[in-house]
Amino acid sequence: MKHITLLVACLALAAASPALAGPGRDGEVRAVRVLPASGKVEVVIDLQGAVEIRDFTLASPARLVIDLLGARLLAPATLYDGQNRGGVRNIRYAQFRPDTVRVVIDLDALKDYQIQRREGQVRVQIGSERTAFATWTSQPVDPAVGGAGRTALPAPTPAVPAPAAEVTTPTAGAPLAIDQYLALHRREAAQSQAPRITVTWDGADIAEVTA
């Protein structure tokens, strides 16, 4: 009788073990994104499989914590870029426990929020009037395609070199022909070599000299 009672107790303990162990580990967290929406900002957790969601808030600083029980982290470890998106200042996520992925959302201030479970997603909606921002995602972005919400910068326009200043070389006047040159210098030489004439006035009136 004792053996039967012990066997029944062992079977009951074995049946209760899965329940005591918590949710099964078949959920996978694959990406975390921050999206603008009408009148709110959304933190979207892309996942696959069944998970249990638990959430709570912390103050000083303001934080919203989302625990996904029964999940393991497959999303790449990507640091948030630091941009304030509708009051969301930072996003952190990690494998908090062997069966729990924790997502921590740092906020400007604690606000009303809603958590919606959709097919393949957990959407955390936080009220905000500031929704003019670009999407952030933990998934690597293909440089050839570009990320959603990101504006490609125009290619720099190559500088056009300024035209070189025109340099004008002054030209000398038209040269004299050789015959003109020799004739000119002959006249100058003849004038310089002509004999001087001396006139002597002896006892003449001044009026005659100047006449």
Protein backbone atom coordinates (compact mmCIF):
# COMPACT_ATOMS: atom_id res chain seq x y z
CA MET A 1 0.00 0.00 0.00
CA LYS A 2 2.85 2.33 0.84
CA HIS A 3 4.45 1.63 -2.53
CA ILE A 4 1.24 2.54 -4.34
CA THR A 5 0.90 5.79 -2.37
CA LEU A 6 4.52 6.75 -3.15
CA LEU A 7 4.00 6.01 -6.84
CA VAL A 8 0.88 8.18 -6.98
CA ALA A 9 2.76 11.04 -5.28
CA CYS A 10 5.63 10.81 -7.79
CA LEU A 11 3.23 10.89 -10.72
CA ALA A 12 1.46 13.93 -9.30
CA LEU A 13 4.77 15.74 -8.81
CA ALA A 14 5.85 14.95 -12.37
CA ALA A 15 2.57 16.27 -13.72
CA ALA A 16 2.93 19.49 -11.73
CA SER A 17 6.55 20.10 -12.77
CA PRO A 18 5.77 21.86 -16.12
CA ALA A 19 3.39 24.23 -14.35
CA LEU A 20 5.97 25.04 -11.68
CA ALA A 21 8.64 25.60 -14.29
CA GLY A 22 6.68 28.50 -15.79
CA PRO A 23 5.84 29.17 -19.42
CA GLY A 24 7.48 27.12 -22.11
CA ARG A 25 10.46 28.65 -23.90
CA ASP A 26 9.16 28.74 -27.44
CA GLY A 27 8.87 32.49 -28.01
CA GLU A 28 11.50 34.40 -29.98
CA VAL A 29 12.05 38.18 -29.89
CA ARG A 30 13.39 39.16 -33.29
CA ALA A 31 13.36 42.97 -33.44
CA VAL A 32 12.42 46.13 -31.56
CA ARG A 33 11.23 49.27 -33.33
CA VAL A 34 10.04 52.79 -32.47
CA LEU A 35 7.38 54.18 -34.83
CA PRO A 36 5.41 57.45 -35.05
CA ALA A 37 1.61 57.20 -35.04
CA SER A 38 -1.31 59.60 -34.81
CA GLY A 39 -1.23 61.13 -31.32
CA LYS A 40 1.16 58.52 -29.96
CA VAL A 41 4.49 56.79 -30.26
CA GLU A 42 4.61 53.02 -30.66
CA VAL A 43 7.29 50.62 -29.48
CA VAL A 44 6.82 47.47 -31.56
CA ILE A 45 8.36 44.16 -30.46
CA ASP A 46 8.47 41.65 -33.31
CA LEU A 47 8.30 38.07 -32.07
CA GLN A 48 7.35 34.56 -32.96
CA GLY A 49 5.71 31.97 -30.75
CA ALA A 50 3.74 32.19 -27.52
CA VAL A 51 4.85 34.48 -24.71
CA GLU A 52 3.35 35.88 -21.53
CA ILE A 53 3.49 39.67 -21.09
CA ARG A 54 4.04 41.46 -17.82
CA ASP A 55 4.55 45.21 -17.50
CA PHE A 56 5.23 47.79 -14.80
CA THR A 57 6.59 51.33 -14.45
CA LEU A 58 9.45 52.82 -12.45
CA ALA A 59 10.08 56.43 -11.44
CA SER A 60 13.21 58.58 -11.06
CA PRO A 61 13.95 58.17 -13.91
CA ALA A 62 10.67 57.36 -15.64
CA ARG A 63 10.74 53.89 -17.18
CA LEU A 64 8.29 51.42 -18.64
CA VAL A 65 9.38 47.78 -18.31
CA ILE A 66 7.99 44.99 -20.50
CA ASP A 67 8.82 41.39 -19.57
CA LEU A 68 8.21 38.69 -22.16
CA LEU A 69 8.08 35.38 -20.31
CA GLY A 70 8.83 32.21 -22.23
CA ALA A 71 10.94 34.06 -24.79
CA ARG A 72 14.53 34.10 -25.91
CA LEU A 73 16.29 36.98 -27.58
CA LEU A 74 17.22 36.65 -31.24
CA ALA A 75 17.23 40.36 -32.09
CA PRO A 76 20.70 41.81 -32.74
CA ALA A 77 22.20 43.79 -29.89
CA THR A 78 21.75 47.29 -31.33
CA LEU A 79 22.25 50.41 -29.21
CA TYR A 80 19.59 53.10 -29.42
CA ASP A 81 20.73 56.19 -31.30
CA GLY A 82 19.84 58.62 -28.48
CA GLN A 83 17.20 60.59 -30.40
CA ASN A 84 14.12 61.63 -28.41
CA ARG A 85 11.15 60.13 -30.25
CA GLY A 86 7.87 61.38 -28.84
CA GLY A 87 9.17 61.25 -25.27
CA VAL A 88 11.03 57.94 -25.72
CA ARG A 89 14.61 58.73 -24.75
CA ASN A 90 16.15 55.27 -24.87
CA ILE A 91 15.38 51.59 -25.56
CA ARG A 92 17.21 48.71 -23.89
CA TYR A 93 16.53 45.00 -24.20
CA ALA A 94 18.27 41.83 -23.03
CA GLN A 95 17.81 38.22 -21.96
CA PHE A 96 16.88 39.08 -18.37
CA ARG A 97 16.39 35.45 -17.30
CA PRO A 98 16.80 32.17 -19.20
CA ASP A 99 13.09 32.30 -20.06
CA THR A 100 12.48 36.07 -19.98
CA VAL A 101 13.33 38.90 -22.37
CA ARG A 102 13.09 42.34 -20.76
CA VAL A 103 12.53 45.56 -22.73
CA VAL A 104 13.10 48.83 -20.83
CA ILE A 105 11.75 52.08 -22.31
CA ASP A 106 13.25 55.27 -20.85
CA LEU A 107 10.75 58.15 -20.96
CA ASP A 108 10.71 61.90 -20.42
CA ALA A 109 7.84 61.34 -17.99
CA LEU A 110 5.41 58.57 -17.10
CA LYS A 111 2.33 58.67 -19.35
CA ASP A 112 -0.72 56.58 -20.06
CA TYR A 113 0.06 53.58 -22.23
CA GLN A 114 -1.59 50.54 -23.76
CA ILE A 115 -0.19 47.16 -24.71
CA GLN A 116 -1.72 45.31 -27.64
CA ARG A 117 -0.91 41.77 -28.69
CA ARG A 118 -1.18 41.16 -32.43
CA GLU A 119 -0.06 38.41 -34.75
CA GLY A 120 3.71 38.32 -34.44
CA GLN A 121 3.88 41.60 -32.50
CA VAL A 122 3.54 43.28 -29.15
CA ARG A 123 2.72 46.97 -29.60
CA VAL A 124 3.29 49.38 -26.72
CA GLN A 125 1.39 52.63 -27.40
CA ILE A 126 2.37 55.74 -25.43
CA GLY A 127 0.47 59.02 -25.75
CA SER A 128 2.50 61.82 -27.32
CA GLU A 129 1.94 65.01 -29.31
CA ARG A 130 5.43 64.86 -30.81
CA THR A 131 5.24 62.40 -33.66
CA ALA A 132 7.44 64.06 -36.31
CA PHE A 133 10.40 61.72 -36.10
CA ALA A 134 12.04 58.98 -38.12
CA THR A 135 11.58 55.30 -37.36
CA TRP A 136 14.24 53.48 -35.36
CA THR A 137 14.82 49.73 -35.63
CA SER A 138 17.20 47.24 -34.07
CA GLN A 139 17.51 45.43 -37.38
CA PRO A 140 20.57 46.27 -39.47
CA VAL A 141 19.78 48.45 -42.47
CA ASP A 142 21.07 47.60 -45.92
CA PRO A 143 23.03 50.68 -47.08
CA ALA A 144 21.97 50.03 -50.68
CA VAL A 145 18.29 50.18 -49.73
CA GLY A 146 18.26 52.64 -46.85
CA GLY A 147 16.16 52.60 -43.69
CA ALA A 148 12.54 53.57 -43.41
CA GLY A 149 12.08 57.16 -42.40
CA ARG A 150 15.64 58.05 -43.18
CA THR A 151 16.40 60.75 -45.71
CA ALA A 152 19.38 60.18 -47.94
CA LEU A 153 21.74 63.10 -48.11
CA PRO A 154 22.37 64.49 -51.60
CA ALA A 155 25.72 63.72 -53.12
CA PRO A 156 28.12 66.61 -52.79
CA THR A 157 28.44 68.72 -55.92
CA PRO A 158 32.05 68.88 -57.10
CA ALA A 159 33.48 72.36 -56.99
CA VAL A 160 33.94 73.97 -60.39
CA PRO A 161 37.40 75.55 -60.61
CA ALA A 162 37.38 79.26 -61.27
CA PRO A 163 38.63 80.20 -64.75
CA ALA A 164 42.22 81.26 -64.81
CA ALA A 165 42.77 84.99 -65.11
CA GLU A 166 43.79 86.06 -68.57
CA VAL A 167 47.24 87.54 -68.66
CA THR A 168 47.84 90.05 -71.41
CA THR A 169 51.45 90.53 -72.35
CA PRO A 170 52.08 94.08 -73.51
CA THR A 171 53.54 94.19 -77.00
CA ALA A 172 56.06 96.77 -78.10
CA GLY A 173 55.24 99.18 -80.88
CA ALA A 174 55.90 98.16 -84.45
CA PRO A 175 59.67 98.07 -84.98
CA LEU A 176 61.25 100.52 -87.41
CA ALA A 177 62.45 99.20 -90.70
CA ILE A 178 66.21 99.06 -90.98
CA ASP A 179 66.27 101.81 -93.65
CA GLN A 180 64.21 104.14 -91.46
CA TYR A 181 66.41 103.42 -88.46
CA LEU A 182 69.64 104.21 -90.36
CA ALA A 183 68.22 107.38 -91.96
CA LEU A 184 67.08 108.70 -88.57
CA HIS A 185 70.44 108.15 -86.97
CA ARG A 186 72.27 109.64 -89.93
CA ARG A 187 70.32 112.88 -89.57
CA GLU A 188 71.06 112.97 -85.82
CA ALA A 189 74.75 112.35 -86.47
CA ALA A 190 74.89 115.07 -89.14
CA GLN A 191 73.28 117.63 -86.86
CA SER A 192 75.60 116.82 -83.97
CA GLN A 193 78.77 117.04 -86.19
CA ALA A 194 77.97 120.35 -88.05
CA PRO A 195 80.60 123.13 -87.36
CA ARG A 196 79.59 125.88 -84.97
CA ILE A 197 79.33 129.47 -86.30
CA THR A 198 80.53 132.29 -84.05
CA VAL A 199 79.44 135.93 -84.73
CA THR A 200 81.21 138.83 -83.06
CA TRP A 201 79.55 142.25 -82.76
CA ASP A 202 82.02 145.06 -82.20
CA GLY A 203 80.65 148.51 -81.45
CA ALA A 204 77.22 147.72 -82.87
CA ASP A 205 74.07 149.21 -81.47
CA ILE A 206 71.95 146.84 -79.32
CA ALA A 207 69.01 147.37 -81.66
CA GLU A 208 71.03 145.99 -84.56
CA VAL A 209 72.08 142.91 -82.56
CA THR A 210 68.54 141.93 -81.67
CA ALA A 211 67.06 142.77 -85.04
